[in-house]
């Protein structure tokens, strides 16, 4: 079907402006503006007349004009490495819920764990005049970069490195990985594979430290062949897991990052004909639907994702308030919220086959 001639197309309705509201209410533009914003001297009769006119005309303030006038947009930017990760989904939902209570909207971006993509998205958000930023882990986590952003825009680090005067929310991944490794050691496992993001990212670095520390406590050397890390935790780790399972001395247990890496490990176990936990024990780092619904249910290192999101939102709101009040002088102290993970024991772990036979 062909489109109607341009002359026959309906023009879009004209946007209702503050001038239209003032004309309908019989007041000046300045009075209408003060009445709608409840600022400055204006009579109650004028306020009621302006509000009636605005409602009748379905008037909505122009957010761009408001932003230019007030210097704020009422929008917070959030950047994470993988929006497909359900763990981030829960964090982002908690951020949005807390921001909405204060009248803020949220825009979300995906860095794909690329520092170039992150810088591009940060620049885009700044051009869009966001009032603050929450930045999740990324390929490059130089604290100096966050300090550079913070010179003119409040920024909160979500589970990533930040400097002595920054603000951030951290999960104690060292403790979580250490607790999980000790649990497997107590069951009799000594060949435990760790699959996570690499040490360039704070969470990966802390997990490796916790894993090695737990082995060292028992006088066991860390076999580096069992530590498989990737630049991006989003990589499907099927090939790495399959290579480990095909080795002459294969691991008897896996400690692996959830979602995509966990999926790769499960696929490799299936192809190798190995069963959980009869042949291989399995612990997932990060809890969610997959570890809970898989059969047998997978033991997981869990932390409060909603608290991570809520704390990040509250921290960026405080930073925005501080900037609006023009607090100057000495450099602000480091502000950090630390979340403690815990082990949720389910059905995926048992003594290694040799120990069970003995």
Protein backbone atom coordinates (compact mmCIF):
# COMPACT_ATOMS: atom_id res chain seq x y z
CA UNK A 1 0.00 0.00 0.00
CA UNK A 2 1.43 3.35 -1.04
CA UNK A 3 1.80 6.19 1.44
CA UNK A 4 -0.63 9.14 1.17
CA UNK A 5 0.69 12.28 -0.53
CA UNK A 6 2.60 14.60 1.82
CA UNK A 7 -0.20 17.16 1.53
CA UNK A 8 -2.70 14.62 2.92
CA UNK A 9 -0.62 13.50 5.89
CA UNK A 10 -1.76 14.68 9.29
CA UNK A 11 0.68 17.05 10.93
CA UNK A 12 1.87 15.97 14.39
CA UNK A 13 0.13 17.88 17.18
CA UNK A 14 1.98 20.97 18.32
CA UNK A 15 3.73 20.65 21.68
CA UNK A 16 1.96 22.48 24.49
CA UNK A 17 4.31 25.09 25.94
CA UNK A 18 4.41 27.09 29.14
CA UNK A 19 3.14 30.04 27.11
CA UNK A 20 -0.02 28.11 26.23
CA UNK A 21 -0.58 27.31 29.89
CA UNK A 22 -0.04 30.94 30.93
CA UNK A 23 -2.45 32.16 28.23
CA UNK A 24 -5.15 29.68 29.30
CA UNK A 25 -4.72 30.61 32.96
CA UNK A 26 -4.71 34.35 32.27
CA UNK A 27 -1.32 34.95 33.87
CA UNK A 28 2.17 35.85 32.71
CA UNK A 29 4.70 33.23 31.65
CA UNK A 30 6.81 34.02 34.72
CA UNK A 31 3.85 33.52 37.05
CA UNK A 32 2.95 30.25 35.33
CA UNK A 33 6.53 29.01 35.74
CA UNK A 34 6.67 29.96 39.42
CA UNK A 35 3.28 28.34 40.02
CA UNK A 36 4.27 25.05 38.40
CA UNK A 37 7.64 24.93 40.15
CA UNK A 38 6.27 26.27 43.46
CA UNK A 39 9.07 28.79 43.53
CA UNK A 40 9.00 32.54 44.14
CA UNK A 41 6.06 34.79 45.03
CA UNK A 42 2.78 33.64 43.52
CA UNK A 43 -0.78 33.68 44.88
CA UNK A 44 -2.65 30.48 45.66
CA UNK A 45 -5.38 31.55 43.22
CA UNK A 46 -2.77 31.79 40.45
CA UNK A 47 -1.34 28.40 41.38
CA UNK A 48 -4.77 26.78 41.12
CA UNK A 49 -5.54 28.49 37.80
CA UNK A 50 -2.20 27.42 36.31
CA UNK A 51 -2.58 23.84 37.53
CA UNK A 52 -6.08 23.61 36.06
CA UNK A 53 -4.84 24.96 32.73
CA UNK A 54 -1.85 22.58 32.69
CA UNK A 55 -4.11 19.61 33.37
CA UNK A 56 -6.65 20.64 30.73
CA UNK A 57 -3.94 21.12 28.12
CA UNK A 58 -2.06 17.93 29.15
CA UNK A 59 1.05 20.05 29.60
CA UNK A 60 4.36 18.24 30.27
CA UNK A 61 7.52 20.22 31.06
CA UNK A 62 10.28 20.12 28.45
CA UNK A 63 13.05 18.06 30.10
CA UNK A 64 15.75 19.62 27.91
CA UNK A 65 14.66 23.13 28.83
CA UNK A 66 14.50 22.15 32.50
CA UNK A 67 17.97 20.66 32.30
CA UNK A 68 19.39 23.84 30.76
CA UNK A 69 17.69 25.96 33.41
CA UNK A 70 18.55 23.87 36.48
CA UNK A 71 21.82 22.27 35.37
CA UNK A 72 20.40 18.84 36.23
CA UNK A 73 18.64 16.17 34.21
CA UNK A 74 17.18 13.90 36.89
CA UNK A 75 18.88 10.94 35.16
CA UNK A 76 21.57 8.54 36.43
CA UNK A 77 23.72 6.47 34.06
CA UNK A 78 24.61 2.83 34.81
CA UNK A 79 27.22 0.84 32.86
CA UNK A 80 27.80 -2.90 33.25
CA UNK A 81 29.78 -5.42 31.22
CA UNK A 82 26.96 -7.77 30.23
CA UNK A 83 23.27 -6.90 30.36
CA UNK A 84 22.44 -10.52 29.54
CA UNK A 85 23.86 -11.57 32.92
CA UNK A 86 20.87 -12.11 35.24
CA UNK A 87 22.97 -11.11 38.25
CA UNK A 88 23.32 -7.63 36.78
CA UNK A 89 19.60 -7.64 36.06
CA UNK A 90 18.81 -7.92 39.77
CA UNK A 91 21.34 -5.23 40.69
CA UNK A 92 20.03 -2.83 38.06
CA UNK A 93 16.43 -3.39 39.17
CA UNK A 94 17.42 -2.49 42.74
CA UNK A 95 19.24 0.64 41.51
CA UNK A 96 16.18 1.76 39.55
CA UNK A 97 13.80 1.14 42.45
CA UNK A 98 15.89 3.27 44.81
CA UNK A 99 16.41 6.07 42.29
CA UNK A 100 12.70 6.26 41.45
CA UNK A 101 11.91 6.90 45.11
CA UNK A 102 13.93 10.11 44.79
CA UNK A 103 12.39 11.10 41.44
CA UNK A 104 15.35 10.02 39.28
CA UNK A 105 15.25 8.07 36.04
CA UNK A 106 17.97 5.65 34.93
CA UNK A 107 19.69 4.91 31.62
CA UNK A 108 21.68 1.68 31.24
CA UNK A 109 24.53 0.83 28.88
CA UNK A 110 26.56 -2.26 28.02
CA UNK A 111 30.38 -2.04 27.85
CA UNK A 112 30.92 -5.63 26.61
CA UNK A 113 33.94 -5.53 28.94
CA UNK A 114 35.71 -3.17 26.53
CA UNK A 115 37.53 -0.11 27.85
CA UNK A 116 37.00 1.65 24.51
CA UNK A 117 33.26 0.96 24.67
CA UNK A 118 33.14 2.12 28.28
CA UNK A 119 34.86 5.41 27.46
CA UNK A 120 32.52 5.97 24.53
CA UNK A 121 29.45 5.30 26.68
CA UNK A 122 30.71 7.53 29.49
CA UNK A 123 31.23 10.37 27.01
CA UNK A 124 27.76 9.77 25.60
CA UNK A 125 26.16 9.85 29.04
CA UNK A 126 28.01 13.05 29.89
CA UNK A 127 26.77 14.71 26.71
CA UNK A 128 23.27 13.63 27.71
CA UNK A 129 23.86 15.53 30.98
CA UNK A 130 23.35 12.65 33.40
CA UNK A 131 23.61 13.74 37.03
CA UNK A 132 25.78 10.80 38.10
CA UNK A 133 27.31 7.49 37.01
CA UNK A 134 27.50 3.96 38.40
CA UNK A 135 30.25 1.95 36.68
CA UNK A 136 30.55 -1.84 36.95
CA UNK A 137 33.70 -3.93 36.28
CA UNK A 138 35.39 -3.45 32.92
CA UNK A 139 38.49 -4.51 31.02
CA UNK A 140 40.51 -1.61 32.43
CA UNK A 141 39.91 -0.47 36.00
CA UNK A 142 42.40 2.34 36.54
CA UNK A 143 41.32 4.33 39.63
CA UNK A 144 42.78 7.43 37.97
CA UNK A 145 40.12 7.17 35.26
CA UNK A 146 37.31 7.28 37.81
CA UNK A 147 39.01 10.18 39.59
CA UNK A 148 39.15 12.04 36.30
CA UNK A 149 35.41 11.54 35.76
CA UNK A 150 34.65 12.53 39.36
CA UNK A 151 36.13 16.00 38.87
CA UNK A 152 32.88 17.16 37.29
CA UNK A 153 30.45 14.24 37.67
CA UNK A 154 29.60 12.07 40.70
CA UNK A 155 30.68 8.49 40.02
CA UNK A 156 30.33 5.27 42.02
CA UNK A 157 32.40 2.12 41.39
CA UNK A 158 30.34 -1.07 41.43
CA UNK A 159 32.65 -3.97 42.35
CA UNK A 160 35.67 -2.41 40.66
CA UNK A 161 38.85 -0.64 41.75
CA UNK A 162 38.69 3.01 42.77
CA UNK A 163 41.05 5.48 44.39
CA UNK A 164 41.65 6.83 47.87
CA UNK A 165 39.03 9.55 47.50
CA UNK A 166 36.41 7.67 45.52
CA UNK A 167 33.16 5.90 46.31
CA UNK A 168 32.22 2.32 45.63
CA UNK A 169 30.38 -0.86 46.54
CA UNK A 170 32.47 -4.02 46.79
CA UNK A 171 31.80 -7.71 47.30
CA UNK A 172 34.41 -9.58 49.38
CA UNK A 173 35.18 -12.11 46.64
CA UNK A 174 38.38 -13.21 48.37
CA UNK A 175 36.38 -14.41 51.32
CA UNK A 176 33.73 -16.06 49.16
CA UNK A 177 36.24 -18.01 47.04
CA UNK A 178 38.21 -19.00 50.12
CA UNK A 179 35.12 -20.34 51.88
CA UNK A 180 34.09 -22.36 48.82
CA UNK A 181 37.59 -23.81 48.38
CA UNK A 182 37.80 -24.81 52.05
CA UNK A 183 34.44 -26.55 51.78
CA UNK A 184 35.72 -28.65 48.87
CA UNK A 185 38.99 -29.35 50.70
CA UNK A 186 37.01 -30.55 53.74
CA UNK A 187 35.24 -33.04 51.46
CA UNK A 188 38.62 -34.43 50.42
CA UNK A 189 39.19 -32.64 47.10
CA UNK A 190 42.73 -31.50 46.32
CA UNK A 191 42.47 -30.98 42.57
CA UNK A 192 40.06 -28.05 42.40
CA UNK A 193 39.72 -26.08 39.17
CA UNK A 194 38.99 -22.37 39.36
CA UNK A 195 37.37 -20.72 36.34
CA UNK A 196 36.80 -16.97 36.56
CA UNK A 197 37.68 -13.58 35.10
CA UNK A 198 41.39 -12.78 35.23
CA UNK A 199 43.35 -10.66 37.68
CA UNK A 200 42.91 -7.48 35.66
CA UNK A 201 39.43 -7.23 37.17
CA UNK A 202 39.05 -6.78 40.91
CA UNK A 203 36.56 -9.66 41.38
CA UNK A 204 38.81 -12.08 39.46
CA UNK A 205 41.91 -10.98 41.32
CA UNK A 206 40.25 -11.46 44.71
CA UNK A 207 38.85 -14.89 43.81
CA UNK A 208 42.30 -16.13 42.77
CA UNK A 209 43.77 -14.78 46.03
CA UNK A 210 41.09 -16.49 48.15
CA UNK A 211 41.49 -19.78 46.30
CA UNK A 212 45.29 -19.80 46.69
CA UNK A 213 45.11 -18.76 50.34
CA UNK A 214 42.75 -21.64 51.19
CA UNK A 215 45.09 -24.15 49.53
CA UNK A 216 48.12 -22.66 51.29
CA UNK A 217 46.38 -23.03 54.67
CA UNK A 218 46.33 -26.80 54.09
CA UNK A 219 49.92 -26.88 52.85
CA UNK A 220 48.85 -27.53 49.27
CA UNK A 221 50.53 -25.83 46.30
CA UNK A 222 48.27 -24.10 43.78
CA UNK A 223 48.45 -25.97 40.47
CA UNK A 224 48.34 -23.10 37.98
CA UNK A 225 47.13 -25.49 35.27
CA UNK A 226 43.86 -25.71 37.22
CA UNK A 227 43.36 -21.92 37.24
CA UNK A 228 41.64 -20.91 34.02
CA UNK A 229 40.90 -17.24 33.60
CA UNK A 230 39.70 -15.20 30.67
CA UNK A 231 39.90 -11.52 29.81
CA UNK A 232 36.14 -11.55 29.65
CA UNK A 233 33.97 -13.54 32.05
CA UNK A 234 31.37 -13.56 29.27
CA UNK A 235 33.33 -16.15 27.26
CA UNK A 236 31.73 -19.57 27.06
CA UNK A 237 34.32 -21.80 28.81
CA UNK A 238 33.35 -25.14 27.29
CA UNK A 239 36.76 -25.69 25.64
CA UNK A 240 38.73 -24.87 28.80
CA UNK A 241 36.60 -27.15 30.95
CA UNK A 242 36.78 -29.96 28.38
CA UNK A 243 40.58 -29.67 28.24
CA UNK A 244 40.79 -29.96 32.03
CA UNK A 245 38.48 -32.97 32.10
CA UNK A 246 40.51 -34.67 29.34
CA UNK A 247 43.82 -34.31 31.23
CA UNK A 248 45.42 -37.42 32.80
CA UNK A 249 44.92 -35.98 36.29
CA UNK A 250 41.60 -34.26 35.87
CA UNK A 251 40.09 -32.03 38.55
CA UNK A 252 37.59 -33.62 40.91
CA UNK A 253 35.85 -30.31 41.60
CA UNK A 254 35.11 -27.03 39.83
CA UNK A 255 34.71 -23.58 41.35
CA UNK A 256 33.42 -21.43 38.52
CA UNK A 257 31.79 -18.11 37.84
CA UNK A 258 28.06 -18.38 37.28
CA UNK A 259 25.86 -18.05 34.20
CA UNK A 260 27.99 -18.33 31.04
CA UNK A 261 31.10 -19.99 32.49
CA UNK A 262 28.89 -22.32 34.50
CA UNK A 263 27.02 -23.23 31.32
CA UNK A 264 30.30 -24.09 29.59
CA UNK A 265 31.40 -26.32 32.48
CA UNK A 266 28.05 -28.15 32.54
CA UNK A 267 28.26 -28.71 28.79
CA UNK A 268 31.79 -30.12 29.11
CA UNK A 269 30.76 -32.43 31.94
CA UNK A 270 27.88 -33.75 29.87
CA UNK A 271 30.10 -34.40 26.83
CA UNK A 272 32.66 -36.15 29.03
CA UNK A 273 30.00 -38.45 30.46
CA UNK A 274 30.64 -37.23 34.01
CA UNK A 275 27.92 -36.68 36.56
CA UNK A 276 27.54 -34.14 39.35
CA UNK A 277 28.35 -34.87 42.16
CA UNK A 278 29.15 -38.58 41.67
CA UNK A 279 32.19 -37.89 39.47
CA UNK A 280 32.82 -34.14 39.83
CA UNK A 281 31.72 -31.66 42.48
CA UNK A 282 30.65 -28.19 41.42
CA UNK A 283 30.30 -24.79 43.11
CA UNK A 284 28.99 -21.73 41.31
CA UNK A 285 30.14 -18.19 42.11
CA UNK A 286 27.00 -16.07 42.04
CA UNK A 287 23.55 -17.47 42.68
CA UNK A 288 20.55 -17.41 40.36
CA UNK A 289 17.97 -19.46 38.52
CA UNK A 290 20.40 -21.83 36.77
CA UNK A 291 22.18 -23.14 39.90
CA UNK A 292 18.89 -23.36 41.79
CA UNK A 293 16.88 -25.14 39.08
CA UNK A 294 19.61 -27.43 37.72
CA UNK A 295 19.35 -31.04 38.89
CA UNK A 296 21.09 -31.64 41.17
CA UNK A 297 20.83 -28.10 42.57
CA UNK A 298 24.23 -26.40 42.54
CA UNK A 299 25.97 -25.13 45.65
CA UNK A 300 26.68 -21.41 45.21
CA UNK A 301 28.66 -18.51 46.61
CA UNK A 302 25.91 -15.94 47.09
CA UNK A 303 25.75 -12.27 48.05
CA UNK A 304 22.95 -9.74 48.37
CA UNK A 305 22.52 -8.40 44.84
CA UNK A 306 19.68 -6.11 45.85
CA UNK A 307 21.86 -4.57 48.57
CA UNK A 308 24.60 -3.98 45.98
CA UNK A 309 22.17 -2.08 43.76
CA UNK A 310 20.50 -0.13 46.56
CA UNK A 311 23.85 0.85 48.12
CA UNK A 312 25.20 2.00 44.74
CA UNK A 313 22.12 4.16 44.17
CA UNK A 314 22.24 5.69 47.65
CA UNK A 315 25.94 6.42 47.29
CA UNK A 316 25.52 8.24 43.97
CA UNK A 317 22.55 10.22 45.39
CA UNK A 318 24.68 11.36 48.32
CA UNK A 319 27.45 12.36 45.92
CA UNK A 320 24.98 14.37 43.84
CA UNK A 321 23.67 16.13 46.95
CA UNK A 322 27.22 16.96 48.03
CA UNK A 323 28.03 18.40 44.61
CA UNK A 324 24.82 20.47 44.60
CA UNK A 325 25.70 21.96 47.98
CA UNK A 326 29.12 22.94 46.64
CA UNK A 327 31.14 21.21 49.31
CA UNK A 328 34.75 22.16 48.83
CA UNK A 329 37.99 22.06 50.77
CA UNK A 330 39.85 18.91 51.72
CA UNK A 331 39.53 15.88 49.46
CA UNK A 332 36.63 13.64 50.54
CA UNK A 333 37.39 10.45 52.43
CA UNK A 334 37.08 7.11 50.72
CA UNK A 335 33.48 5.83 50.93
CA UNK A 336 33.04 2.09 50.61
CA UNK A 337 30.27 -0.43 51.24
CA UNK A 338 31.53 -4.01 51.53
CA UNK A 339 29.17 -6.96 51.08
CA UNK A 340 30.00 -10.36 52.58
CA UNK A 341 29.19 -13.46 50.49
CA UNK A 342 28.13 -16.77 51.99
CA UNK A 343 28.02 -20.36 50.80
CA UNK A 344 24.60 -21.80 49.97
CA UNK A 345 25.06 -25.58 50.24
CA UNK A 346 22.86 -27.65 47.93
CA UNK A 347 23.36 -31.03 46.22
CA UNK A 348 26.29 -30.63 43.83
CA UNK A 349 29.20 -31.51 46.10
CA UNK A 350 30.40 -34.85 47.49
CA UNK A 351 33.73 -36.47 48.38
CA UNK A 352 35.88 -37.24 45.33
CA UNK A 353 35.38 -40.71 43.83
CA UNK A 354 38.65 -42.14 45.20
CA UNK A 355 37.93 -40.88 48.72
CA UNK A 356 34.37 -42.20 48.56
CA UNK A 357 35.67 -45.65 47.55
CA UNK A 358 38.07 -45.73 50.49
